[in-house]
Amino acid sequence: MKREFNIALIGCGNWGKNIARNLYQVGSLACIYDKNTKLSQKLNHEYMLPTFGLNKIFEDQNINGIVIASPAITHKELAIQALKNDKDVFIEKPFCLSLTDAQKISELAKNRNRILMVGHLLNYHNAFIKMKELIKNGKIGVLQNIRANRLALGTIRSQESVVYDLSAHDISMILSITKELPIDVNVQSIQHHNDIGPDAISVKLSFLKGVTALINSDWMCPYKEHKFSAIGTKGSLIFDDTKNWSEKLIYNPSFVTVKNTIESLPIEKIKIQKNEPLKTELKEFIDCMYSRKSPLTDYKEAIRVQTVMDMIDKKI
């Protein structure tokens, strides 16, 4: 198989395995490293790849890029080492665990003229791409409010709060729509299982242009809900990633009139082309390695997301 680029993967947990599969399918997987050496050896054997240690990955001039999908607490040091060895770097979300670290990594990437991309996956989902297009074209009139619910009975992280694990997705999507940072943040949080930070949060973001956003993130919730909605003066768009592709994006033209009555109209399913967002995202990384252009979710976008997470942290 001809490789487009030689990309090493560091970290191969549940999500890392999906990254490995996609990099292999696009012909760019050079090797896999995980601190679990038996797992590394097993996966490299399955993909017929060599097993390298970390130093070898950083020093090998045939490796052009590195995808970091290890625990968030390791992102900073791995990214710095990769950038100092002139590798292009893709970091799975969360970028890192502090705004200061995010700024340090970004400055290094800029100074060394390296591609630095962060895995804010849902920006590459066709349903969200279509949603943004419809908002821009006035489908829902004037945007008033965004609501994001990311709830499930999921993994309780030991090194990061629910803000970094779940809210990062929705913050990235909200900023992609509003094109501005919030001017005010209000936070309610619940903490039962994690010494690092909250297990559940409710956040209100207020923006200068009048848009508000409500974020609910919870990894203790007994039911799963991944809904992202945009409400305007002419209806709403609802992106529900738990639905089948034919129902992932719907338009509800019902709205509140100027007389505070409800104008109820039939719901419309929005046709979208099915895609695997992770593959689209990794192809973007590879394309940017070739062209040297900035990715959609580059370090500047990542810094904006990290800034909002920092604002939330300070209110908890």
Protein backbone atom coordinates (compact mmCIF):
# COMPACT_ATOMS: atom_id res chain seq x y z
CA MET A 1 0.00 0.00 0.00
CA LYS A 2 1.41 3.36 -1.04
CA ARG A 3 1.62 5.77 1.86
CA GLU A 4 0.61 9.40 1.44
CA PHE A 5 2.65 10.29 4.52
CA ASN A 6 4.28 8.32 7.31
CA ILE A 7 2.33 9.12 10.45
CA ALA A 8 2.99 7.55 13.83
CA LEU A 9 0.17 7.06 16.33
CA ILE A 10 0.92 7.50 20.03
CA GLY A 11 -1.81 6.05 22.23
CA CYS A 12 -4.10 3.26 21.17
CA GLY A 13 -7.02 3.00 23.57
CA ASN A 14 -10.61 2.63 22.35
CA TRP A 15 -10.51 5.82 20.25
CA GLY A 16 -6.89 5.33 19.24
CA LYS A 17 -7.84 2.06 17.58
CA ASN A 18 -10.30 3.95 15.37
CA ILE A 19 -7.54 6.40 14.45
CA ALA A 20 -5.19 3.51 13.61
CA ARG A 21 -7.81 1.93 11.35
CA ASN A 22 -8.46 5.16 9.48
CA LEU A 23 -4.78 6.06 9.08
CA TYR A 24 -4.14 2.58 7.74
CA GLN A 25 -7.08 2.82 5.31
CA VAL A 26 -5.76 6.09 3.86
CA GLY A 27 -2.27 4.61 3.58
CA SER A 28 -0.45 6.77 6.12
CA LEU A 29 0.04 4.65 9.25
CA ALA A 30 3.76 4.20 9.96
CA CYS A 31 3.64 2.61 13.42
CA ILE A 32 1.70 2.50 16.67
CA TYR A 33 3.09 3.19 20.12
CA ASP A 34 1.29 2.64 23.41
CA LYS A 35 2.68 2.42 26.93
CA ASN A 36 1.07 -1.04 26.93
CA THR A 37 3.85 -2.67 24.91
CA LYS A 38 1.90 -5.89 24.36
CA LEU A 39 -0.90 -3.89 22.78
CA SER A 40 1.56 -1.98 20.58
CA GLN A 41 3.19 -5.19 19.39
CA LYS A 42 -0.17 -6.85 18.73
CA LEU A 43 -1.54 -3.95 16.67
CA ASN A 44 1.67 -3.37 14.74
CA HIS A 45 1.71 -7.07 13.90
CA GLU A 46 -1.91 -6.92 12.70
CA TYR A 47 -1.13 -3.96 10.44
CA MET A 48 2.26 -5.44 9.40
CA LEU A 49 4.14 -2.46 10.81
CA PRO A 50 7.38 -2.14 12.80
CA THR A 51 7.28 -1.55 16.55
CA PHE A 52 9.18 1.60 17.55
CA GLY A 53 9.95 3.14 20.92
CA LEU A 54 9.09 6.78 21.56
CA ASN A 55 12.63 8.07 20.91
CA LYS A 56 12.75 6.25 17.59
CA ILE A 57 9.41 7.78 16.55
CA PHE A 58 10.58 11.30 17.36
CA GLU A 59 14.01 10.91 15.76
CA ASP A 60 13.09 8.95 12.61
CA GLN A 61 13.24 11.35 9.66
CA ASN A 62 10.94 9.08 7.63
CA ILE A 63 8.10 9.82 10.04
CA ASN A 64 6.52 13.10 8.93
CA GLY A 65 3.71 13.47 11.44
CA ILE A 66 2.50 12.26 14.81
CA VAL A 67 -1.03 11.74 16.08
CA ILE A 68 -1.24 11.99 19.86
CA ALA A 69 -4.18 10.04 21.29
CA SER A 70 -2.72 9.28 24.71
CA PRO A 71 -4.21 10.52 28.03
CA ALA A 72 -4.66 14.29 28.12
CA ILE A 73 -2.10 14.75 30.89
CA THR A 74 0.63 13.52 28.49
CA HIS A 75 -0.30 15.78 25.55
CA LYS A 76 1.90 18.73 26.45
CA GLU A 77 5.24 16.91 26.73
CA LEU A 78 4.61 14.62 23.76
CA ALA A 79 3.59 17.55 21.55
CA ILE A 80 6.64 19.60 22.54
CA GLN A 81 8.98 16.69 21.86
CA ALA A 82 7.35 16.03 18.48
CA LEU A 83 7.48 19.69 17.42
CA LYS A 84 11.12 20.04 18.49
CA ASN A 85 11.86 17.14 16.16
CA ASP A 86 10.07 18.95 13.32
CA LYS A 87 7.04 16.68 13.11
CA ASP A 88 3.57 17.89 12.17
CA VAL A 89 1.24 17.13 15.07
CA PHE A 90 -2.38 16.15 15.47
CA ILE A 91 -3.61 16.11 19.10
CA GLU A 92 -6.84 14.44 20.09
CA LYS A 93 -9.11 16.57 22.24
CA PRO A 94 -8.67 17.93 24.79
CA PHE A 95 -5.74 19.91 23.39
CA CYS A 96 -4.18 20.00 26.88
CA LEU A 97 -5.22 20.74 30.45
CA SER A 98 -4.36 24.42 30.80
CA LEU A 99 -4.49 27.56 28.69
CA THR A 100 -0.84 28.26 29.49
CA ASP A 101 0.21 24.86 28.13
CA ALA A 102 -1.94 25.36 25.03
CA GLN A 103 -0.28 28.71 24.34
CA LYS A 104 3.20 27.26 24.85
CA ILE A 105 2.61 24.39 22.41
CA SER A 106 1.01 26.74 19.86
CA GLU A 107 3.91 29.20 20.00
CA LEU A 108 6.39 26.38 19.44
CA ALA A 109 4.44 25.09 16.42
CA LYS A 110 4.30 28.60 14.97
CA ASN A 111 8.01 29.21 15.48
CA ARG A 112 8.97 25.90 13.88
CA ASN A 113 6.48 26.27 11.02
CA ARG A 114 4.75 22.99 11.87
CA ILE A 115 1.13 21.97 11.33
CA LEU A 116 -0.64 21.71 14.68
CA MET A 117 -4.19 20.38 14.56
CA VAL A 118 -6.58 19.45 17.36
CA GLY A 119 -9.21 16.73 17.11
CA HIS A 120 -12.42 18.71 17.48
CA LEU A 121 -14.15 15.94 15.56
CA LEU A 122 -17.67 17.23 15.07
CA ASN A 123 -16.48 20.12 12.90
CA TYR A 124 -15.90 17.42 10.27
CA HIS A 125 -19.34 15.80 10.62
CA ASN A 126 -21.47 16.37 7.52
CA ALA A 127 -24.57 17.06 9.64
CA PHE A 128 -22.84 19.91 11.48
CA ILE A 129 -21.27 21.23 8.27
CA LYS A 130 -24.76 21.33 6.72
CA MET A 131 -26.19 22.91 9.85
CA LYS A 132 -23.69 25.79 9.68
CA GLU A 133 -24.45 26.29 5.98
CA LEU A 134 -28.19 26.52 6.66
CA ILE A 135 -27.69 28.97 9.54
CA LYS A 136 -25.50 31.16 7.32
CA ASN A 137 -28.11 31.07 4.55
CA GLY A 138 -30.87 32.26 6.89
CA LYS A 139 -32.81 29.00 7.25
CA ILE A 140 -33.71 29.79 10.88
CA GLY A 141 -33.74 33.57 10.54
CA VAL A 142 -31.72 35.45 13.14
CA LEU A 143 -29.83 33.09 15.45
CA GLN A 144 -30.84 33.61 19.08
CA ASN A 145 -29.76 30.60 21.11
CA ILE A 146 -27.63 27.44 20.86
CA ARG A 147 -28.26 24.43 23.10
CA ALA A 148 -25.87 21.53 23.53
CA ASN A 149 -26.67 18.41 25.55
CA ARG A 150 -23.93 15.77 25.78
CA LEU A 151 -25.10 13.30 28.39
CA ALA A 152 -24.34 9.62 29.04
CA LEU A 153 -23.35 7.11 31.68
CA GLY A 154 -19.74 7.14 30.51
CA THR A 155 -16.12 6.82 31.55
CA ILE A 156 -15.18 8.87 34.61
CA ARG A 157 -11.77 10.35 33.78
CA SER A 158 -9.18 10.50 36.54
CA GLN A 159 -7.05 13.33 35.08
CA GLU A 160 -9.64 15.63 33.50
CA SER A 161 -13.09 16.95 34.30
CA VAL A 162 -16.23 16.60 32.20
CA VAL A 163 -15.45 20.07 30.80
CA TYR A 164 -12.38 18.77 28.97
CA ASP A 165 -13.81 15.35 28.13
CA LEU A 166 -17.28 16.29 26.84
CA SER A 167 -17.80 20.07 26.76
CA ALA A 168 -14.80 20.65 24.48
CA HIS A 169 -16.81 19.24 21.55
CA ASP A 170 -19.72 21.63 22.03
CA ILE A 171 -17.59 24.67 22.81
CA SER A 172 -15.75 24.14 19.53
CA MET A 173 -19.03 23.86 17.62
CA ILE A 174 -20.54 26.92 19.30
CA LEU A 175 -17.49 29.07 18.54
CA SER A 176 -17.51 27.81 14.96
CA ILE A 177 -21.01 29.29 14.60
CA THR A 178 -20.70 32.49 16.65
CA LYS A 179 -17.22 33.44 15.39
CA GLU A 180 -16.55 35.20 18.70
CA LEU A 181 -15.59 34.43 22.28
CA PRO A 182 -18.24 34.85 24.99
CA ILE A 183 -18.26 38.03 27.03
CA ASP A 184 -19.82 36.32 30.06
CA VAL A 185 -19.89 32.79 31.49
CA ASN A 186 -22.20 31.37 34.17
CA VAL A 187 -21.62 27.86 35.53
CA GLN A 188 -23.41 25.37 37.77
CA SER A 189 -21.52 22.14 38.50
CA ILE A 190 -21.89 18.81 40.30
CA GLN A 191 -18.93 16.86 41.62
CA HIS A 192 -19.24 13.38 43.09
CA HIS A 193 -16.63 11.06 41.55
CA ASN A 194 -13.73 13.12 40.31
CA ASP A 195 -11.16 14.99 42.42
CA ILE A 196 -9.99 16.91 39.35
CA GLY A 197 -13.25 18.71 38.61
CA PRO A 198 -16.98 18.36 38.00
CA ASP A 199 -18.84 15.28 36.75
CA ALA A 200 -21.68 17.40 35.38
CA ILE A 201 -21.94 21.05 34.39
CA SER A 202 -24.54 23.48 33.10
CA VAL A 203 -22.99 26.50 31.40
CA LYS A 204 -24.49 29.66 29.93
CA LEU A 205 -22.36 31.59 27.45
CA SER A 206 -23.36 35.13 26.47
CA PHE A 207 -22.00 36.77 23.32
CA LEU A 208 -21.63 40.42 22.34
CA LYS A 209 -23.96 40.11 19.34
CA GLY A 210 -26.80 38.89 21.58
CA VAL A 211 -26.57 35.13 21.00
CA THR A 212 -26.67 32.89 24.07
CA ALA A 213 -25.56 29.26 24.39
CA LEU A 214 -26.48 26.65 26.98
CA ILE A 215 -24.22 23.63 27.50
CA ASN A 216 -25.13 20.58 29.56
CA SER A 217 -22.36 17.99 29.93
CA ASP A 218 -22.74 14.95 32.18
CA TRP A 219 -21.02 11.56 32.36
CA MET A 220 -23.26 10.35 35.21
CA CYS A 221 -26.54 10.58 33.26
CA PRO A 222 -28.44 7.25 33.07
CA TYR A 223 -29.54 7.95 29.48
CA LYS A 224 -27.62 9.01 26.39
CA GLU A 225 -28.33 12.28 24.63
CA HIS A 226 -26.11 13.99 22.07
CA LYS A 227 -28.16 16.91 20.77
CA PHE A 228 -26.94 20.22 19.40
CA SER A 229 -29.62 22.75 18.50
CA ALA A 230 -29.66 26.22 16.97
CA ILE A 231 -32.78 28.30 17.62
CA GLY A 232 -33.65 31.35 15.55
CA THR A 233 -36.51 33.69 14.71
CA LYS A 234 -37.73 31.37 11.93
CA GLY A 235 -37.35 27.97 13.55
CA SER A 236 -34.69 25.59 14.76
CA LEU A 237 -32.10 23.12 13.49
CA ILE A 238 -31.48 20.02 15.63
CA PHE A 239 -28.42 17.82 15.15
CA ASP A 240 -28.89 14.51 17.00
CA ASP A 241 -25.88 12.26 16.53
CA THR A 242 -27.62 9.28 18.16
CA LYS A 243 -30.09 9.05 15.25
CA ASN A 244 -29.77 7.29 11.91
CA TRP A 245 -28.31 9.38 9.11
CA SER A 246 -31.75 10.12 7.65
CA GLU A 247 -32.74 11.76 10.95
CA LYS A 248 -29.48 13.25 12.23
CA LEU A 249 -30.40 16.78 11.15
CA ILE A 250 -33.93 18.15 11.21
CA TYR A 251 -35.48 21.57 10.69
CA ASN A 252 -38.35 22.56 12.95
CA PRO A 253 -39.96 25.67 11.42
CA SER A 254 -42.11 26.32 14.51
CA PHE A 255 -41.24 29.56 16.29
CA VAL A 256 -42.41 32.08 18.89
CA THR A 257 -44.17 35.01 17.24
CA VAL A 258 -43.83 38.68 18.22
CA LYS A 259 -47.11 38.24 20.14
CA ASN A 260 -45.51 35.38 22.14
CA THR A 261 -47.72 32.76 20.52
CA ILE A 262 -46.39 29.57 18.93
CA GLU A 263 -46.51 29.15 15.16
CA SER A 264 -46.47 25.36 14.73
CA LEU A 265 -45.38 23.93 11.36
CA PRO A 266 -44.37 20.44 10.16
CA ILE A 267 -40.82 19.20 10.85
CA GLU A 268 -38.51 18.70 7.85
CA LYS A 269 -35.72 16.13 7.65
CA ILE A 270 -32.55 17.57 6.10
CA LYS A 271 -30.83 15.28 3.62
CA ILE A 272 -27.12 14.91 4.26
CA GLN A 273 -24.43 12.68 2.81
CA LYS A 274 -23.13 10.05 5.22
CA ASN A 275 -19.48 10.36 6.20
CA GLU A 276 -17.07 9.11 8.86
CA PRO A 277 -15.99 12.36 10.53
CA LEU A 278 -12.77 10.83 11.84
CA LYS A 279 -11.62 9.84 8.37
CA THR A 280 -12.54 13.31 7.03
CA GLU A 281 -10.62 14.90 9.91
CA LEU A 282 -7.47 12.80 9.37
CA LYS A 283 -7.58 13.47 5.63
CA GLU A 284 -7.64 17.19 6.49
CA PHE A 285 -4.50 16.70 8.57
CA ILE A 286 -2.73 14.90 5.71
CA ASP A 287 -3.88 17.49 3.17
CA CYS A 288 -2.49 20.27 5.37
CA MET A 289 0.79 18.40 5.73
CA TYR A 290 1.07 18.56 1.93
CA SER A 291 -0.23 22.06 1.32
CA ARG A 292 1.10 23.66 4.54
CA LYS A 293 -2.24 25.45 4.93
CA SER A 294 -3.87 25.78 8.36
CA PRO A 295 -6.44 23.12 9.27
CA LEU A 296 -10.01 24.06 10.13
CA THR A 297 -9.29 23.09 13.75
CA ASP A 298 -5.80 24.53 13.94
CA TYR A 299 -4.00 25.78 17.04
CA LYS A 300 -5.77 29.15 16.83
CA GLU A 301 -9.16 27.46 16.98
CA ALA A 302 -7.89 25.21 19.77
CA ILE A 303 -6.69 28.20 21.79
CA ARG A 304 -10.16 29.76 21.54
CA VAL A 305 -11.76 26.55 22.85
CA GLN A 306 -9.14 26.31 25.59
CA THR A 307 -9.84 29.95 26.54
CA VAL A 308 -13.53 29.20 27.09
CA MET A 309 -12.71 26.06 29.11
CA ASP A 310 -10.40 28.21 31.22
CA MET A 311 -13.22 30.74 31.72
CA ILE A 312 -15.49 27.90 32.86
CA ASP A 313 -12.83 26.50 35.20
CA LYS A 314 -12.46 29.87 36.89
CA LYS A 315 -16.22 29.96 37.61
CA ILE A 316 -16.42 26.43 39.07
